[in-house]
Amino acid sequence: MTVTVRMTNLFLQLGLDATPEGVARFIGEHHLPDEVNVLDAEFWNDAQRQLLKELLCSDGEWALVVDQLNEALRTPSA
């Protein structure tokens, strides 16, 4: 079975609320300063950090989704 590569599916894999509202809430409540690597964010647990690292290292479609999340966490919410 293949999993569609999307932000909501990334959130499912991370064990987070994967509804569109849940994703928006998470991004709105968490912000990464420019000097902090997404993998070093204080809000990930060890398992989440490991998953993100593996997805980034895969350099495939999942890496692009993690990059999108990284960018979203750096954009100040209005």
PDB file of N, CA and C in Angstrom:
ATOM      1  N   MET A   1       0.844  -1.187   0.000  1.00  0.00           N
ATOM      2  CA  MET A   1       0.000   0.000   0.000  1.00  0.00           C
ATOM      3  C   MET A   1       0.884   1.243   0.000  1.00  0.00           C
ATOM      4  N   THR A   2       0.616   2.146  -0.884  1.00  0.00           N
ATOM      5  CA  THR A   2       1.373   3.386  -0.923  1.00  0.00           C
ATOM      6  C   THR A   2       0.617   4.468  -0.168  1.00  0.00           C
ATOM      7  N   VAL A   3       1.370   5.329   0.453  1.00  0.00           N
ATOM      8  CA  VAL A   3       0.791   6.433   1.207  1.00  0.00           C
ATOM      9  C   VAL A   3       1.028   7.707   0.420  1.00  0.00           C
ATOM     10  N   THR A   4      -0.013   8.479   0.251  1.00  0.00           N
ATOM     11  CA  THR A   4       0.120   9.744  -0.447  1.00  0.00           C
ATOM     12  C   THR A   4       0.987  10.678   0.387  1.00  0.00           C
ATOM     13  N   VAL A   5       1.959  11.275  -0.265  1.00  0.00           N
ATOM     14  CA  VAL A   5       2.887  12.171   0.418  1.00  0.00           C
ATOM     15  C   VAL A   5       2.217  13.533   0.572  1.00  0.00           C
ATOM     16  N   ARG A   6       1.766  13.804   1.786  1.00  0.00           N
ATOM     17  CA  ARG A   6       1.104  15.075   2.083  1.00  0.00           C
ATOM     18  C   ARG A   6       1.403  15.451   3.528  1.00  0.00           C
ATOM     19  N   MET A   7       1.177  16.703   3.831  1.00  0.00           N
ATOM     20  CA  MET A   7       1.416  17.194   5.190  1.00  0.00           C
ATOM     21  C   MET A   7       0.556  16.431   6.194  1.00  0.00           C
ATOM     22  N   THR A   8      -0.696  16.157   5.846  1.00  0.00           N
ATOM     23  CA  THR A   8      -1.560  15.456   6.800  1.00  0.00           C
ATOM     24  C   THR A   8      -1.022  14.055   7.084  1.00  0.00           C
ATOM     25  N   ASN A   9      -0.487  13.390   6.067  1.00  0.00           N
ATOM     26  CA  ASN A   9       0.081  12.060   6.289  1.00  0.00           C
ATOM     27  C   ASN A   9       1.374  12.129   7.098  1.00  0.00           C
ATOM     28  N   LEU A  10       2.135  13.182   6.928  1.00  0.00           N
ATOM     29  CA  LEU A  10       3.322  13.381   7.767  1.00  0.00           C
ATOM     30  C   LEU A  10       2.899  13.522   9.223  1.00  0.00           C
ATOM     31  N   PHE A  11       1.855  14.310   9.471  1.00  0.00           N
ATOM     32  CA  PHE A  11       1.378  14.488  10.831  1.00  0.00           C
ATOM     33  C   PHE A  11       0.875  13.174  11.412  1.00  0.00           C
ATOM     34  N   LEU A  12       0.223  12.346  10.597  1.00  0.00           N
ATOM     35  CA  LEU A  12      -0.206  11.021  11.064  1.00  0.00           C
ATOM     36  C   LEU A  12       0.998  10.202  11.512  1.00  0.00           C
ATOM     37  N   GLN A  13       2.045  10.212  10.705  1.00  0.00           N
ATOM     38  CA  GLN A  13       3.252   9.449  11.041  1.00  0.00           C
ATOM     39  C   GLN A  13       3.924   9.976  12.298  1.00  0.00           C
ATOM     40  N   LEU A  14       3.785  11.269  12.536  1.00  0.00           N
ATOM     41  CA  LEU A  14       4.380  11.886  13.727  1.00  0.00           C
ATOM     42  C   LEU A  14       3.507  11.703  14.969  1.00  0.00           C
ATOM     43  N   GLY A  15       2.317  11.134  14.774  1.00  0.00           N
ATOM     44  CA  GLY A  15       1.413  10.938  15.901  1.00  0.00           C
ATOM     45  C   GLY A  15       0.721  12.215  16.341  1.00  0.00           C
ATOM     46  N   LEU A  16       0.592  13.150  15.422  1.00  0.00           N
ATOM     47  CA  LEU A  16      -0.046  14.439  15.721  1.00  0.00           C
ATOM     48  C   LEU A  16      -1.424  14.497  15.075  1.00  0.00           C
ATOM     49  N   ASP A  17      -2.218  15.478  15.481  1.00  0.00           N
ATOM     50  CA  ASP A  17      -3.538  15.699  14.898  1.00  0.00           C
ATOM     51  C   ASP A  17      -3.349  16.014  13.415  1.00  0.00           C
ATOM     52  N   ALA A  18      -3.820  15.126  12.559  1.00  0.00           N
ATOM     53  CA  ALA A  18      -3.582  15.254  11.125  1.00  0.00           C
ATOM     54  C   ALA A  18      -4.741  15.884  10.371  1.00  0.00           C
ATOM     55  N   THR A  19      -5.747  16.375  11.090  1.00  0.00           N
ATOM     56  CA  THR A  19      -6.813  17.084  10.398  1.00  0.00           C
ATOM     57  C   THR A  19      -6.241  18.408   9.879  1.00  0.00           C
ATOM     58  N   PRO A  20      -6.834  18.975   8.838  1.00  0.00           N
ATOM     59  CA  PRO A  20      -6.335  20.273   8.370  1.00  0.00           C
ATOM     60  C   PRO A  20      -6.293  21.321   9.493  1.00  0.00           C
ATOM     61  N   GLU A  21      -7.308  21.270  10.364  1.00  0.00           N
ATOM     62  CA  GLU A  21      -7.337  22.214  11.496  1.00  0.00           C
ATOM     63  C   GLU A  21      -6.192  21.926  12.472  1.00  0.00           C
ATOM     64  N   GLY A  22      -5.930  20.650  12.699  1.00  0.00           N
ATOM     65  CA  GLY A  22      -4.848  20.260  13.615  1.00  0.00           C
ATOM     66  C   GLY A  22      -3.488  20.671  13.091  1.00  0.00           C
ATOM     67  N   VAL A  23      -3.287  20.491  11.795  1.00  0.00           N
ATOM     68  CA  VAL A  23      -2.019  20.899  11.176  1.00  0.00           C
ATOM     69  C   VAL A  23      -1.862  22.414  11.304  1.00  0.00           C
ATOM     70  N   ALA A  24      -2.913  23.149  10.976  1.00  0.00           N
ATOM     71  CA  ALA A  24      -2.856  24.612  11.059  1.00  0.00           C
ATOM     72  C   ALA A  24      -2.606  25.070  12.494  1.00  0.00           C
ATOM     73  N   ARG A  25      -3.253  24.401  13.456  1.00  0.00           N
ATOM     74  CA  ARG A  25      -3.071  24.757  14.864  1.00  0.00           C
ATOM     75  C   ARG A  25      -1.624  24.515  15.295  1.00  0.00           C
ATOM     76  N   PHE A  26      -1.082  23.350  14.931  1.00  0.00           N
ATOM     77  CA  PHE A  26       0.294  23.030  15.304  1.00  0.00           C
ATOM     78  C   PHE A  26       1.257  24.076  14.745  1.00  0.00           C
ATOM     79  N   ILE A  27       1.100  24.404  13.467  1.00  0.00           N
ATOM     80  CA  ILE A  27       1.986  25.382  12.840  1.00  0.00           C
ATOM     81  C   ILE A  27       1.807  26.756  13.475  1.00  0.00           C
ATOM     82  N   GLY A  28       0.571  27.097  13.832  1.00  0.00           N
ATOM     83  CA  GLY A  28       0.318  28.385  14.467  1.00  0.00           C
ATOM     84  C   GLY A  28       0.881  28.486  15.877  1.00  0.00           C
ATOM     85  N   GLU A  29       0.979  27.347  16.563  1.00  0.00           N
ATOM     86  CA  GLU A  29       1.433  27.342  17.957  1.00  0.00           C
ATOM     87  C   GLU A  29       2.935  27.094  18.110  1.00  0.00           C
ATOM     88  N   HIS A  30       3.603  26.711  17.039  1.00  0.00           N
ATOM     89  CA  HIS A  30       5.034  26.404  17.111  1.00  0.00           C
ATOM     90  C   HIS A  30       5.786  27.260  16.098  1.00  0.00           C
ATOM     91  N   HIS A  31       6.857  27.859  16.554  1.00  0.00           N
ATOM     92  CA  HIS A  31       7.670  28.697  15.670  1.00  0.00           C
ATOM     93  C   HIS A  31       9.135  28.332  15.861  1.00  0.00           C
ATOM     94  N   LEU A  32       9.853  28.271  14.752  1.00  0.00           N
ATOM     95  CA  LEU A  32      11.282  27.975  14.792  1.00  0.00           C
ATOM     96  C   LEU A  32      12.086  29.218  14.442  1.00  0.00           C
ATOM     97  N   PRO A  33      12.986  29.617  15.322  1.00  0.00           N
ATOM     98  CA  PRO A  33      13.892  30.710  14.957  1.00  0.00           C
ATOM     99  C   PRO A  33      14.799  30.262  13.806  1.00  0.00           C
ATOM    100  N   ASP A  34      15.290  31.204  13.038  1.00  0.00           N
ATOM    101  CA  ASP A  34      16.119  30.887  11.871  1.00  0.00           C
ATOM    102  C   ASP A  34      17.339  30.049  12.218  1.00  0.00           C
ATOM    103  N   GLU A  35      17.896  30.236  13.406  1.00  0.00           N
ATOM    104  CA  GLU A  35      19.140  29.549  13.752  1.00  0.00           C
ATOM    105  C   GLU A  35      18.920  28.119  14.261  1.00  0.00           C
ATOM    106  N   VAL A  36      17.676  27.705  14.421  1.00  0.00           N
ATOM    107  CA  VAL A  36      17.378  26.366  14.937  1.00  0.00           C
ATOM    108  C   VAL A  36      17.006  25.424  13.790  1.00  0.00           C
ATOM    109  N   ASN A  37      17.721  24.318  13.691  1.00  0.00           N
ATOM    110  CA  ASN A  37      17.417  23.303  12.686  1.00  0.00           C
ATOM    111  C   ASN A  37      16.094  22.651  13.055  1.00  0.00           C
ATOM    112  N   VAL A  38      15.300  22.308  12.050  1.00  0.00           N
ATOM    113  CA  VAL A  38      13.989  21.694  12.307  1.00  0.00           C
ATOM    114  C   VAL A  38      14.129  20.426  13.151  1.00  0.00           C
ATOM    115  N   LEU A  39      15.217  19.695  12.986  1.00  0.00           N
ATOM    116  CA  LEU A  39      15.422  18.465  13.757  1.00  0.00           C
ATOM    117  C   LEU A  39      15.747  18.751  15.221  1.00  0.00           C
ATOM    118  N   ASP A  40      16.192  19.959  15.515  1.00  0.00           N
ATOM    119  CA  ASP A  40      16.570  20.326  16.882  1.00  0.00           C
ATOM    120  C   ASP A  40      15.458  21.039  17.639  1.00  0.00           C
ATOM    121  N   ALA A  41      14.289  21.153  17.027  1.00  0.00           N
ATOM    122  CA  ALA A  41      13.178  21.854  17.680  1.00  0.00           C
ATOM    123  C   ALA A  41      12.821  21.152  18.982  1.00  0.00           C
ATOM    124  N   GLU A  42      12.563  21.945  19.994  1.00  0.00           N
ATOM    125  CA  GLU A  42      12.279  21.414  21.328  1.00  0.00           C
ATOM    126  C   GLU A  42      10.958  20.660  21.424  1.00  0.00           C
ATOM    127  N   PHE A  43      10.059  20.883  20.469  1.00  0.00           N
ATOM    128  CA  PHE A  43       8.730  20.278  20.571  1.00  0.00           C
ATOM    129  C   PHE A  43       8.637  18.869  19.998  1.00  0.00           C
ATOM    130  N   TRP A  44       9.708  18.340  19.396  1.00  0.00           N
ATOM    131  CA  TRP A  44       9.678  16.949  18.919  1.00  0.00           C
ATOM    132  C   TRP A  44      10.122  16.016  20.028  1.00  0.00           C
ATOM    133  N   ASN A  45       9.514  14.844  20.087  1.00  0.00           N
ATOM    134  CA  ASN A  45      10.059  13.825  20.983  1.00  0.00           C
ATOM    135  C   ASN A  45      11.111  13.049  20.189  1.00  0.00           C
ATOM    136  N   ASP A  46      11.802  12.125  20.835  1.00  0.00           N
ATOM    137  CA  ASP A  46      12.895  11.415  20.162  1.00  0.00           C
ATOM    138  C   ASP A  46      12.431  10.642  18.932  1.00  0.00           C
ATOM    139  N   ALA A  47      11.274   9.987  19.038  1.00  0.00           N
ATOM    140  CA  ALA A  47      10.764   9.202  17.910  1.00  0.00           C
ATOM    141  C   ALA A  47      10.402  10.110  16.732  1.00  0.00           C
ATOM    142  N   GLN A  48       9.784  11.244  17.018  1.00  0.00           N
ATOM    143  CA  GLN A  48       9.421  12.185  15.954  1.00  0.00           C
ATOM    144  C   GLN A  48      10.680  12.736  15.291  1.00  0.00           C
ATOM    145  N   ARG A  49      11.663  13.083  16.103  1.00  0.00           N
ATOM    146  CA  ARG A  49      12.924  13.620  15.582  1.00  0.00           C
ATOM    147  C   ARG A  49      13.605  12.594  14.666  1.00  0.00           C
ATOM    148  N   GLN A  50      13.605  11.327  15.084  1.00  0.00           N
ATOM    149  CA  GLN A  50      14.222  10.270  14.288  1.00  0.00           C
ATOM    150  C   GLN A  50      13.486  10.094  12.957  1.00  0.00           C
ATOM    151  N   LEU A  51      12.168  10.099  13.000  1.00  0.00           N
ATOM    152  CA  LEU A  51      11.379   9.962  11.776  1.00  0.00           C
ATOM    153  C   LEU A  51      11.676  11.108  10.814  1.00  0.00           C
ATOM    154  N   LEU A  52      11.669  12.335  11.332  1.00  0.00           N
ATOM    155  CA  LEU A  52      11.943  13.490  10.474  1.00  0.00           C
ATOM    156  C   LEU A  52      13.327  13.395   9.853  1.00  0.00           C
ATOM    157  N   LYS A  53      14.302  12.949  10.635  1.00  0.00           N
ATOM    158  CA  LYS A  53      15.668  12.798  10.134  1.00  0.00           C
ATOM    159  C   LYS A  53      15.705  11.770   9.004  1.00  0.00           C
ATOM    160  N   GLU A  54      15.042  10.633   9.199  1.00  0.00           N
ATOM    161  CA  GLU A  54      15.004   9.599   8.165  1.00  0.00           C
ATOM    162  C   GLU A  54      14.326  10.106   6.893  1.00  0.00           C
ATOM    163  N   LEU A  55      13.227  10.838   7.056  1.00  0.00           N
ATOM    164  CA  LEU A  55      12.519  11.355   5.888  1.00  0.00           C
ATOM    165  C   LEU A  55      13.355  12.389   5.142  1.00  0.00           C
ATOM    166  N   LEU A  56      14.054  13.237   5.881  1.00  0.00           N
ATOM    167  CA  LEU A  56      14.920  14.230   5.235  1.00  0.00           C
ATOM    168  C   LEU A  56      16.071  13.560   4.500  1.00  0.00           C
ATOM    169  N   CYS A  57      16.647  12.543   5.112  1.00  0.00           N
ATOM    170  CA  CYS A  57      17.783  11.846   4.498  1.00  0.00           C
ATOM    171  C   CYS A  57      17.364  11.032   3.281  1.00  0.00           C
ATOM    172  N   SER A  58      16.087  10.681   3.208  1.00  0.00           N
ATOM    173  CA  SER A  58      15.607   9.899   2.067  1.00  0.00           C
ATOM    174  C   SER A  58      15.681  10.716   0.781  1.00  0.00           C
ATOM    175  N   ASP A  59      15.668  12.031   0.922  1.00  0.00           N
ATOM    176  CA  ASP A  59      15.793  12.950  -0.203  1.00  0.00           C
ATOM    177  C   ASP A  59      14.758  12.669  -1.289  1.00  0.00           C
ATOM    178  N   GLY A  60      13.604  12.167  -0.889  1.00  0.00           N
ATOM    179  CA  GLY A  60      12.527  11.903  -1.836  1.00  0.00           C
ATOM    180  C   GLY A  60      11.378  12.854  -1.612  1.00  0.00           C
ATOM    181  N   GLU A  61      10.186  12.392  -1.959  1.00  0.00           N
ATOM    182  CA  GLU A  61       9.001  13.236  -1.808  1.00  0.00           C
ATOM    183  C   GLU A  61       8.758  13.610  -0.350  1.00  0.00           C
ATOM    184  N   TRP A  62       9.041  12.680   0.555  1.00  0.00           N
ATOM    185  CA  TRP A  62       8.822  12.975   1.980  1.00  0.00           C
ATOM    186  C   TRP A  62       9.733  14.094   2.459  1.00  0.00           C
ATOM    187  N   ALA A  63      10.951  14.143   1.922  1.00  0.00           N
ATOM    188  CA  ALA A  63      11.877  15.215   2.299  1.00  0.00           C
ATOM    189  C   ALA A  63      11.296  16.573   1.922  1.00  0.00           C
ATOM    190  N   LEU A  64      10.599  16.619   0.793  1.00  0.00           N
ATOM    191  CA  LEU A  64       9.973  17.878   0.371  1.00  0.00           C
ATOM    192  C   LEU A  64       8.876  18.306   1.344  1.00  0.00           C
ATOM    193  N   VAL A  65       8.120  17.342   1.852  1.00  0.00           N
ATOM    194  CA  VAL A  65       7.050  17.660   2.806  1.00  0.00           C
ATOM    195  C   VAL A  65       7.655  18.154   4.119  1.00  0.00           C
ATOM    196  N   VAL A  66       8.740  17.519   4.567  1.00  0.00           N
ATOM    197  CA  VAL A  66       9.413  17.981   5.790  1.00  0.00           C
ATOM    198  C   VAL A  66       9.955  19.390   5.567  1.00  0.00           C
ATOM    199  N   ASP A  67      10.492  19.653   4.389  1.00  0.00           N
ATOM    200  CA  ASP A  67      10.961  21.014   4.068  1.00  0.00           C
ATOM    201  C   ASP A  67       9.816  22.022   4.112  1.00  0.00           C
ATOM    202  N   GLN A  68       8.655  21.618   3.605  1.00  0.00           N
ATOM    203  CA  GLN A  68       7.492  22.510   3.646  1.00  0.00           C
ATOM    204  C   GLN A  68       7.090  22.805   5.092  1.00  0.00           C
ATOM    205  N   LEU A  69       7.119  21.778   5.925  1.00  0.00           N
ATOM    206  CA  LEU A  69       6.810  21.981   7.344  1.00  0.00           C
ATOM    207  C   LEU A  69       7.838  22.907   7.977  1.00  0.00           C
ATOM    208  N   ASN A  70       9.092  22.688   7.673  1.00  0.00           N
ATOM    209  CA  ASN A  70      10.175  23.536   8.184  1.00  0.00           C
ATOM    210  C   ASN A  70       9.927  24.994   7.829  1.00  0.00           C
ATOM    211  N   GLU A  71       9.586  25.245   6.575  1.00  0.00           N
ATOM    212  CA  GLU A  71       9.305  26.620   6.143  1.00  0.00           C
ATOM    213  C   GLU A  71       8.088  27.193   6.854  1.00  0.00           C
ATOM    214  N   ALA A  72       7.035  26.385   6.979  1.00  0.00           N
ATOM    215  CA  ALA A  72       5.813  26.849   7.637  1.00  0.00           C
ATOM    216  C   ALA A  72       6.076  27.217   9.102  1.00  0.00           C
ATOM    217  N   LEU A  73       6.951  26.470   9.756  1.00  0.00           N
ATOM    218  CA  LEU A  73       7.245  26.742  11.162  1.00  0.00           C
ATOM    219  C   LEU A  73       8.095  27.987  11.340  1.00  0.00           C
ATOM    220  N   ARG A  74       8.653  28.489  10.282  1.00  0.00           N
ATOM    221  CA  ARG A  74       9.484  29.707  10.345  1.00  0.00           C
ATOM    222  C   ARG A  74       8.724  30.953   9.925  1.00  0.00           C
ATOM    223  N   THR A  75       7.561  30.765   9.331  1.00  0.00           N
ATOM    224  CA  THR A  75       6.776  31.898   8.874  1.00  0.00           C
ATOM    225  C   THR A  75       5.885  32.379  10.015  1.00  0.00           C
ATOM    226  N   PRO A  76       6.043  33.627  10.416  1.00  0.00           N
ATOM    227  CA  PRO A  76       5.191  34.116  11.498  1.00  0.00           C
ATOM    228  C   PRO A  76       3.716  34.061  11.105  1.00  0.00           C
ATOM    229  N   SER A  77       2.889  33.562  12.005  1.00  0.00           N
ATOM    230  CA  SER A  77       1.459  33.515  11.701  1.00  0.00           C
ATOM    231  C   SER A  77       0.847  34.892  11.851  1.00  0.00           C
ATOM    232  N   ALA A  78      -0.098  35.178  11.017  1.00  0.00           N
ATOM    233  CA  ALA A  78      -0.712  36.511  11.017  1.00  0.00           C
ATOM    234  C   ALA A  78      -1.660  36.675  12.181  1.00  0.00           C
TER     235      ALA A  78
END
